[in-house]
Amino acid sequence: MALLGQDHERPSSETAWTILDAAHDLGDIVTVDACRRVIDADLRGDTPATSDMVVLSAFFG
């Protein structure tokens, strides 16, 4: 599901927060950890790891 103005390859920090909430509710620790790393990288202005982005992209897929 793509949102207007968002790159398909890199979910926004807001998307990462949404996935974090859902993953936390489901007890999906791997996805929770990946979301936290993506959010931290975004806050630092860094590029998140590709492996973490794959986890986020696959969460709803």
C-alpha atoms as a PDB file:
ATOM      1  CA  MET A   1       0.000   0.000   0.000  1.00  0.00           C
ATOM      2  CA  ALA A   2       1.630   3.226  -1.133  1.00  0.00           C
ATOM      3  CA  LEU A   3       0.887   6.604   0.314  1.00  0.00           C
ATOM      4  CA  LEU A   4       1.024   9.697  -1.867  1.00  0.00           C
ATOM      5  CA  GLY A   5       4.434  11.291  -1.956  1.00  0.00           C
ATOM      6  CA  GLN A   6       6.225   8.359  -0.350  1.00  0.00           C
ATOM      7  CA  ASP A   7       9.044   6.368  -1.867  1.00  0.00           C
ATOM      8  CA  HIS A   8       8.120   2.690  -2.157  1.00  0.00           C
ATOM      9  CA  GLU A   9      11.634   1.639  -1.189  1.00  0.00           C
ATOM     10  CA  ARG A  10      11.837   3.669   2.013  1.00  0.00           C
ATOM     11  CA  PRO A  11       8.887   3.991   4.360  1.00  0.00           C
ATOM     12  CA  SER A  12       8.751   7.270   6.227  1.00  0.00           C
ATOM     13  CA  SER A  13       9.469   7.550   9.914  1.00  0.00           C
ATOM     14  CA  GLU A  14       5.712   7.918  10.449  1.00  0.00           C
ATOM     15  CA  THR A  15       5.163   4.609   8.669  1.00  0.00           C
ATOM     16  CA  ALA A  16       7.842   3.011  10.844  1.00  0.00           C
ATOM     17  CA  TRP A  17       5.993   4.226  13.962  1.00  0.00           C
ATOM     18  CA  THR A  18       2.743   2.710  12.644  1.00  0.00           C
ATOM     19  CA  ILE A  19       4.437  -0.603  11.926  1.00  0.00           C
ATOM     20  CA  LEU A  20       6.122  -0.457  15.336  1.00  0.00           C
ATOM     21  CA  ASP A  21       2.735  -0.169  17.051  1.00  0.00           C
ATOM     22  CA  ALA A  22       1.263  -3.057  15.061  1.00  0.00           C
ATOM     23  CA  ALA A  23       4.327  -5.274  15.509  1.00  0.00           C
ATOM     24  CA  HIS A  24       4.381  -4.571  19.229  1.00  0.00           C
ATOM     25  CA  ASP A  25       0.699  -5.562  19.515  1.00  0.00           C
ATOM     26  CA  LEU A  26       1.462  -8.816  17.684  1.00  0.00           C
ATOM     27  CA  GLY A  27       4.592  -9.553  19.713  1.00  0.00           C
ATOM     28  CA  ASP A  28       6.783  -9.463  16.594  1.00  0.00           C
ATOM     29  CA  ILE A  29      10.097  -8.647  18.277  1.00  0.00           C
ATOM     30  CA  VAL A  30      12.161  -8.808  15.063  1.00  0.00           C
ATOM     31  CA  THR A  31       9.994  -6.156  13.418  1.00  0.00           C
ATOM     32  CA  VAL A  32       9.868  -4.038  16.582  1.00  0.00           C
ATOM     33  CA  ASP A  33      13.667  -3.986  16.716  1.00  0.00           C
ATOM     34  CA  ALA A  34      13.927  -3.137  13.000  1.00  0.00           C
ATOM     35  CA  CYS A  35      11.422  -0.289  13.415  1.00  0.00           C
ATOM     36  CA  ARG A  36      13.365   1.139  16.313  1.00  0.00           C
ATOM     37  CA  ARG A  37      16.584   1.079  14.317  1.00  0.00           C
ATOM     38  CA  VAL A  38      14.878   2.769  11.329  1.00  0.00           C
ATOM     39  CA  ILE A  39      13.368   5.455  13.576  1.00  0.00           C
ATOM     40  CA  ASP A  40      16.712   6.032  15.311  1.00  0.00           C
ATOM     41  CA  ALA A  41      18.506   6.336  11.963  1.00  0.00           C
ATOM     42  CA  ASP A  42      15.882   8.798  10.740  1.00  0.00           C
ATOM     43  CA  LEU A  43      16.241  10.920  13.868  1.00  0.00           C
ATOM     44  CA  ARG A  44      20.025  10.979  13.388  1.00  0.00           C
ATOM     45  CA  GLY A  45      19.640  11.853   9.715  1.00  0.00           C
ATOM     46  CA  ASP A  46      21.281   8.582   8.677  1.00  0.00           C
ATOM     47  CA  THR A  47      20.147   6.052   6.116  1.00  0.00           C
ATOM     48  CA  PRO A  48      18.585   2.969   7.722  1.00  0.00           C
ATOM     49  CA  ALA A  49      20.068  -0.445   7.034  1.00  0.00           C
ATOM     50  CA  THR A  50      18.684  -2.150   3.954  1.00  0.00           C
ATOM     51  CA  SER A  51      17.891  -5.260   5.986  1.00  0.00           C
ATOM     52  CA  ASP A  52      15.727  -3.215   8.372  1.00  0.00           C
ATOM     53  CA  MET A  53      13.909  -1.603   5.447  1.00  0.00           C
ATOM     54  CA  VAL A  54      13.177  -5.048   3.994  1.00  0.00           C
ATOM     55  CA  VAL A  55      11.599  -6.103   7.312  1.00  0.00           C
ATOM     56  CA  LEU A  56       9.400  -2.991   7.376  1.00  0.00           C
ATOM     57  CA  SER A  57       8.417  -3.324   3.733  1.00  0.00           C
ATOM     58  CA  ALA A  58       7.470  -6.976   4.196  1.00  0.00           C
ATOM     59  CA  PHE A  59       5.407  -6.441   7.343  1.00  0.00           C
ATOM     60  CA  PHE A  60       2.094  -5.855   5.566  1.00  0.00           C
ATOM     61  CA  GLY A  61       3.002  -7.893   2.494  1.00  0.00           C
END
